[in-house]
Amino acid sequence: MGQNAVQLGQGAMQFFISLGLMLYVAFFMLRDGQKLIALLVGRDTKLPDYIVLLSTLGGFVVFGMNGFVIGPLVAALFVAFWGIFMREFNMAEVAEGEEMLE
């Protein structure tokens, strides 16, 4: 009986230590997380900081730990495709306008 109480006490202590560590990490990630994520991910992608933050958090939610890379990658691809689409769409619109003028 005494052995079970010791094991229960050790389990509870491990739980509270892990809970405290999670709260400590969560506090600093919320406080400094945007700067840290933007520094690690957004430096070379030339994406705005808020897009990097939202895509990283969304990647964590959808893909887990791999979302740290996959989320901003999907966001960068979306922004690149959107730029290509807008450039091509505007070129087609300009060409149609020139045909109407002739």
N, C-alpha and C. Protein backbone atom coordinates (compact mmCIF):
# COMPACT_ATOMS: atom_id res chain seq x y z
N MET A 1 0.81 -1.19 0.00
CA MET A 1 0.00 0.00 0.00
C MET A 1 0.86 1.26 0.00
N GLY A 2 1.92 1.26 0.78
CA GLY A 2 2.81 2.41 0.83
C GLY A 2 3.52 2.64 -0.49
N GLN A 3 3.83 1.53 -1.17
CA GLN A 3 4.51 1.63 -2.46
C GLN A 3 3.60 2.29 -3.50
N ASN A 4 2.33 1.97 -3.48
CA ASN A 4 1.38 2.59 -4.40
C ASN A 4 1.25 4.08 -4.15
N ALA A 5 1.29 4.49 -2.89
CA ALA A 5 1.20 5.91 -2.56
C ALA A 5 2.43 6.66 -3.06
N VAL A 6 3.59 6.03 -2.96
CA VAL A 6 4.83 6.67 -3.46
C VAL A 6 4.76 6.79 -4.97
N GLN A 7 4.30 5.74 -5.65
CA GLN A 7 4.18 5.80 -7.11
C GLN A 7 3.17 6.86 -7.52
N LEU A 8 2.08 6.97 -6.79
CA LEU A 8 1.07 7.99 -7.09
C LEU A 8 1.65 9.38 -6.89
N GLY A 9 2.43 9.56 -5.83
CA GLY A 9 3.06 10.85 -5.58
C GLY A 9 4.06 11.22 -6.66
N GLN A 10 4.83 10.24 -7.13
CA GLN A 10 5.79 10.50 -8.20
C GLN A 10 5.07 10.86 -9.50
N GLY A 11 3.98 10.17 -9.79
CA GLY A 11 3.21 10.48 -10.99
C GLY A 11 2.62 11.87 -10.95
N ALA A 12 2.11 12.26 -9.79
CA ALA A 12 1.55 13.59 -9.64
C ALA A 12 2.64 14.65 -9.77
N MET A 13 3.81 14.37 -9.20
CA MET A 13 4.92 15.33 -9.29
C MET A 13 5.36 15.49 -10.75
N GLN A 14 5.46 14.40 -11.48
CA GLN A 14 5.83 14.48 -12.90
C GLN A 14 4.78 15.27 -13.68
N PHE A 15 3.51 15.07 -13.33
CA PHE A 15 2.44 15.80 -14.00
C PHE A 15 2.59 17.30 -13.77
N PHE A 16 2.81 17.70 -12.53
CA PHE A 16 2.92 19.14 -12.23
C PHE A 16 4.18 19.75 -12.81
N ILE A 17 5.26 19.00 -12.85
CA ILE A 17 6.48 19.50 -13.48
C ILE A 17 6.24 19.71 -14.97
N SER A 18 5.62 18.74 -15.63
CA SER A 18 5.36 18.88 -17.07
C SER A 18 4.35 20.00 -17.34
N LEU A 19 3.36 20.15 -16.47
CA LEU A 19 2.39 21.23 -16.63
C LEU A 19 3.07 22.59 -16.48
N GLY A 20 3.94 22.71 -15.49
CA GLY A 20 4.68 23.96 -15.29
C GLY A 20 5.58 24.27 -16.47
N LEU A 21 6.24 23.26 -17.00
CA LEU A 21 7.11 23.46 -18.17
C LEU A 21 6.30 23.89 -19.38
N MET A 22 5.13 23.28 -19.58
CA MET A 22 4.28 23.65 -20.70
C MET A 22 3.79 25.09 -20.57
N LEU A 23 3.41 25.50 -19.37
CA LEU A 23 2.96 26.87 -19.16
C LEU A 23 4.11 27.86 -19.37
N TYR A 24 5.29 27.52 -18.91
CA TYR A 24 6.46 28.36 -19.09
C TYR A 24 6.77 28.56 -20.59
N VAL A 25 6.79 27.46 -21.33
CA VAL A 25 7.07 27.54 -22.77
C VAL A 25 5.95 28.28 -23.49
N ALA A 26 4.70 28.03 -23.12
CA ALA A 26 3.57 28.70 -23.77
C ALA A 26 3.62 30.20 -23.52
N PHE A 27 4.00 30.60 -22.31
CA PHE A 27 4.10 32.03 -22.00
C PHE A 27 5.12 32.71 -22.90
N PHE A 28 6.30 32.11 -23.03
CA PHE A 28 7.33 32.74 -23.84
C PHE A 28 7.04 32.64 -25.33
N MET A 29 6.34 31.60 -25.76
CA MET A 29 5.96 31.53 -27.17
C MET A 29 4.91 32.58 -27.50
N LEU A 30 3.99 32.82 -26.60
CA LEU A 30 2.98 33.85 -26.84
C LEU A 30 3.60 35.24 -26.79
N ARG A 31 4.58 35.41 -25.90
CA ARG A 31 5.19 36.72 -25.75
C ARG A 31 6.18 37.01 -26.87
N ASP A 32 7.05 36.05 -27.17
CA ASP A 32 8.11 36.26 -28.16
C ASP A 32 7.91 35.42 -29.42
N GLY A 33 6.80 34.72 -29.50
CA GLY A 33 6.61 33.77 -30.59
C GLY A 33 6.58 34.40 -31.96
N GLN A 34 5.94 35.56 -32.09
CA GLN A 34 5.84 36.18 -33.40
C GLN A 34 7.22 36.58 -33.90
N LYS A 35 8.05 37.13 -33.03
CA LYS A 35 9.40 37.51 -33.44
C LYS A 35 10.23 36.29 -33.78
N LEU A 36 10.10 35.24 -32.97
CA LEU A 36 10.89 34.03 -33.19
C LEU A 36 10.48 33.34 -34.49
N ILE A 37 9.19 33.18 -34.72
CA ILE A 37 8.72 32.52 -35.93
C ILE A 37 9.08 33.33 -37.16
N ALA A 38 8.90 34.65 -37.09
CA ALA A 38 9.24 35.49 -38.23
C ALA A 38 10.74 35.44 -38.51
N LEU A 39 11.54 35.35 -37.47
CA LEU A 39 12.99 35.28 -37.65
C LEU A 39 13.39 33.96 -38.29
N LEU A 40 12.80 32.85 -37.83
CA LEU A 40 13.20 31.54 -38.33
C LEU A 40 12.61 31.22 -39.70
N VAL A 41 11.39 31.62 -39.94
CA VAL A 41 10.70 31.20 -41.16
C VAL A 41 10.60 32.32 -42.18
N GLY A 42 10.25 33.52 -41.75
CA GLY A 42 9.88 34.57 -42.70
C GLY A 42 11.02 35.38 -43.26
N ARG A 43 12.24 35.12 -42.85
CA ARG A 43 13.37 35.93 -43.30
C ARG A 43 13.57 35.84 -44.81
N ASP A 44 13.62 34.65 -45.34
CA ASP A 44 13.91 34.47 -46.76
C ASP A 44 12.67 34.38 -47.64
N THR A 45 11.50 34.24 -47.05
CA THR A 45 10.30 34.09 -47.86
C THR A 45 9.72 35.42 -48.31
N LYS A 46 10.13 36.50 -47.67
CA LYS A 46 9.62 37.84 -47.98
C LYS A 46 8.10 37.93 -47.82
N LEU A 47 7.57 37.17 -46.87
CA LEU A 47 6.16 37.24 -46.53
C LEU A 47 6.00 38.19 -45.35
N PRO A 48 4.88 38.88 -45.25
CA PRO A 48 4.64 39.72 -44.07
C PRO A 48 4.61 38.88 -42.80
N ASP A 49 4.96 39.50 -41.68
CA ASP A 49 5.06 38.77 -40.42
C ASP A 49 3.73 38.13 -40.01
N TYR A 50 2.62 38.82 -40.24
CA TYR A 50 1.34 38.27 -39.81
C TYR A 50 0.97 37.03 -40.63
N ILE A 51 1.35 36.98 -41.90
CA ILE A 51 1.06 35.79 -42.71
C ILE A 51 1.93 34.63 -42.24
N VAL A 52 3.17 34.91 -41.91
CA VAL A 52 4.05 33.85 -41.39
C VAL A 52 3.49 33.31 -40.08
N LEU A 53 3.06 34.19 -39.20
CA LEU A 53 2.51 33.75 -37.91
C LEU A 53 1.25 32.92 -38.11
N LEU A 54 0.31 33.42 -38.89
CA LEU A 54 -0.95 32.69 -39.09
C LEU A 54 -0.73 31.36 -39.81
N SER A 55 0.15 31.35 -40.81
CA SER A 55 0.38 30.10 -41.54
C SER A 55 1.12 29.08 -40.67
N THR A 56 2.01 29.54 -39.81
CA THR A 56 2.71 28.62 -38.92
C THR A 56 1.74 28.03 -37.90
N LEU A 57 0.90 28.87 -37.30
CA LEU A 57 -0.07 28.36 -36.34
C LEU A 57 -1.09 27.44 -37.02
N GLY A 58 -1.53 27.81 -38.21
CA GLY A 58 -2.44 26.94 -38.96
C GLY A 58 -1.77 25.64 -39.34
N GLY A 59 -0.51 25.70 -39.70
CA GLY A 59 0.23 24.48 -40.01
C GLY A 59 0.35 23.57 -38.82
N PHE A 60 0.59 24.14 -37.61
CA PHE A 60 0.64 23.34 -36.39
C PHE A 60 -0.69 22.66 -36.15
N VAL A 61 -1.79 23.37 -36.36
CA VAL A 61 -3.10 22.80 -36.10
C VAL A 61 -3.40 21.66 -37.08
N VAL A 62 -3.08 21.86 -38.35
CA VAL A 62 -3.45 20.88 -39.37
C VAL A 62 -2.44 19.73 -39.45
N PHE A 63 -1.13 20.05 -39.44
CA PHE A 63 -0.11 19.05 -39.71
C PHE A 63 0.74 18.67 -38.50
N GLY A 64 0.49 19.26 -37.35
CA GLY A 64 1.30 18.96 -36.17
C GLY A 64 2.65 19.66 -36.26
N MET A 65 3.69 19.00 -35.76
CA MET A 65 5.03 19.62 -35.74
C MET A 65 5.56 19.90 -37.14
N ASN A 66 5.19 19.09 -38.11
CA ASN A 66 5.62 19.33 -39.48
C ASN A 66 5.03 20.62 -40.03
N GLY A 67 3.97 21.11 -39.43
CA GLY A 67 3.32 22.35 -39.87
C GLY A 67 4.20 23.56 -39.72
N PHE A 68 5.26 23.48 -38.89
CA PHE A 68 6.20 24.59 -38.76
C PHE A 68 6.82 24.92 -40.11
N VAL A 69 7.00 23.92 -40.96
CA VAL A 69 7.56 24.12 -42.30
C VAL A 69 6.46 24.14 -43.35
N ILE A 70 5.51 23.24 -43.24
CA ILE A 70 4.49 23.07 -44.28
C ILE A 70 3.56 24.28 -44.35
N GLY A 71 3.16 24.85 -43.22
CA GLY A 71 2.25 25.99 -43.21
C GLY A 71 2.80 27.19 -43.97
N PRO A 72 3.99 27.69 -43.60
CA PRO A 72 4.55 28.82 -44.36
C PRO A 72 4.87 28.47 -45.81
N LEU A 73 5.22 27.21 -46.09
CA LEU A 73 5.48 26.80 -47.47
C LEU A 73 4.21 26.90 -48.30
N VAL A 74 3.10 26.44 -47.76
CA VAL A 74 1.82 26.54 -48.47
C VAL A 74 1.44 28.01 -48.65
N ALA A 75 1.67 28.83 -47.63
CA ALA A 75 1.36 30.27 -47.74
C ALA A 75 2.22 30.93 -48.81
N ALA A 76 3.51 30.60 -48.86
CA ALA A 76 4.40 31.18 -49.87
C ALA A 76 3.99 30.75 -51.28
N LEU A 77 3.62 29.48 -51.43
CA LEU A 77 3.15 29.02 -52.74
C LEU A 77 1.86 29.72 -53.14
N PHE A 78 0.95 29.90 -52.18
CA PHE A 78 -0.29 30.60 -52.47
C PHE A 78 -0.03 32.03 -52.92
N VAL A 79 0.85 32.73 -52.20
CA VAL A 79 1.16 34.12 -52.56
C VAL A 79 1.83 34.18 -53.94
N ALA A 80 2.72 33.23 -54.22
CA ALA A 80 3.38 33.21 -55.54
C ALA A 80 2.37 32.94 -56.65
N PHE A 81 1.50 31.94 -56.46
CA PHE A 81 0.49 31.64 -57.47
C PHE A 81 -0.49 32.78 -57.64
N TRP A 82 -0.82 33.45 -56.54
CA TRP A 82 -1.73 34.59 -56.61
C TRP A 82 -1.10 35.72 -57.43
N GLY A 83 0.19 35.97 -57.23
CA GLY A 83 0.89 36.99 -58.01
C GLY A 83 0.92 36.65 -59.49
N ILE A 84 1.19 35.40 -59.81
CA ILE A 84 1.21 34.97 -61.21
C ILE A 84 -0.18 35.11 -61.82
N PHE A 85 -1.20 34.68 -61.09
CA PHE A 85 -2.57 34.78 -61.57
C PHE A 85 -2.95 36.22 -61.84
N MET A 86 -2.64 37.11 -60.89
CA MET A 86 -3.00 38.52 -61.06
C MET A 86 -2.25 39.15 -62.24
N ARG A 87 -0.99 38.79 -62.41
CA ARG A 87 -0.22 39.33 -63.52
C ARG A 87 -0.80 38.87 -64.86
N GLU A 88 -1.12 37.58 -64.96
CA GLU A 88 -1.68 37.05 -66.20
C GLU A 88 -3.08 37.60 -66.44
N PHE A 89 -3.89 37.71 -65.41
CA PHE A 89 -5.25 38.22 -65.55
C PHE A 89 -5.23 39.68 -65.99
N ASN A 90 -4.35 40.48 -65.40
CA ASN A 90 -4.25 41.88 -65.79
C ASN A 90 -3.74 42.03 -67.21
N MET A 91 -2.81 41.17 -67.64
CA MET A 91 -2.31 41.22 -69.02
C MET A 91 -3.44 40.90 -70.00
N ALA A 92 -4.26 39.90 -69.68
CA ALA A 92 -5.37 39.55 -70.56
C ALA A 92 -6.38 40.69 -70.61
N GLU A 93 -6.60 41.34 -69.48
CA GLU A 93 -7.55 42.45 -69.42
C GLU A 93 -7.03 43.64 -70.24
N VAL A 94 -5.73 43.90 -70.15
CA VAL A 94 -5.13 45.00 -70.91
C VAL A 94 -5.20 44.70 -72.40
N ALA A 95 -4.95 43.43 -72.80
CA ALA A 95 -5.01 43.06 -74.21
C ALA A 95 -6.44 43.21 -74.74
N GLU A 96 -7.44 42.84 -73.97
CA GLU A 96 -8.83 43.01 -74.40
C GLU A 96 -9.18 44.49 -74.54
N GLY A 97 -8.67 45.31 -73.65
CA GLY A 97 -8.93 46.76 -73.71
C GLY A 97 -8.30 47.37 -74.94
N GLU A 98 -7.12 46.91 -75.33
CA GLU A 98 -6.45 47.43 -76.52
C GLU A 98 -7.20 47.02 -77.78
N GLU A 99 -7.76 45.80 -77.80
CA GLU A 99 -8.53 45.36 -78.95
C GLU A 99 -9.79 46.18 -79.13
N MET A 100 -10.40 46.60 -78.04
CA MET A 100 -11.61 47.41 -78.11
C MET A 100 -11.30 48.80 -78.64
N LEU A 101 -10.12 49.30 -78.33
CA LEU A 101 -9.75 50.64 -78.79
C LEU A 101 -9.46 50.68 -80.28
N GLU A 102 -9.03 49.55 -80.85
CA GLU A 102 -8.67 49.52 -82.27
C GLU A 102 -9.85 49.41 -83.17
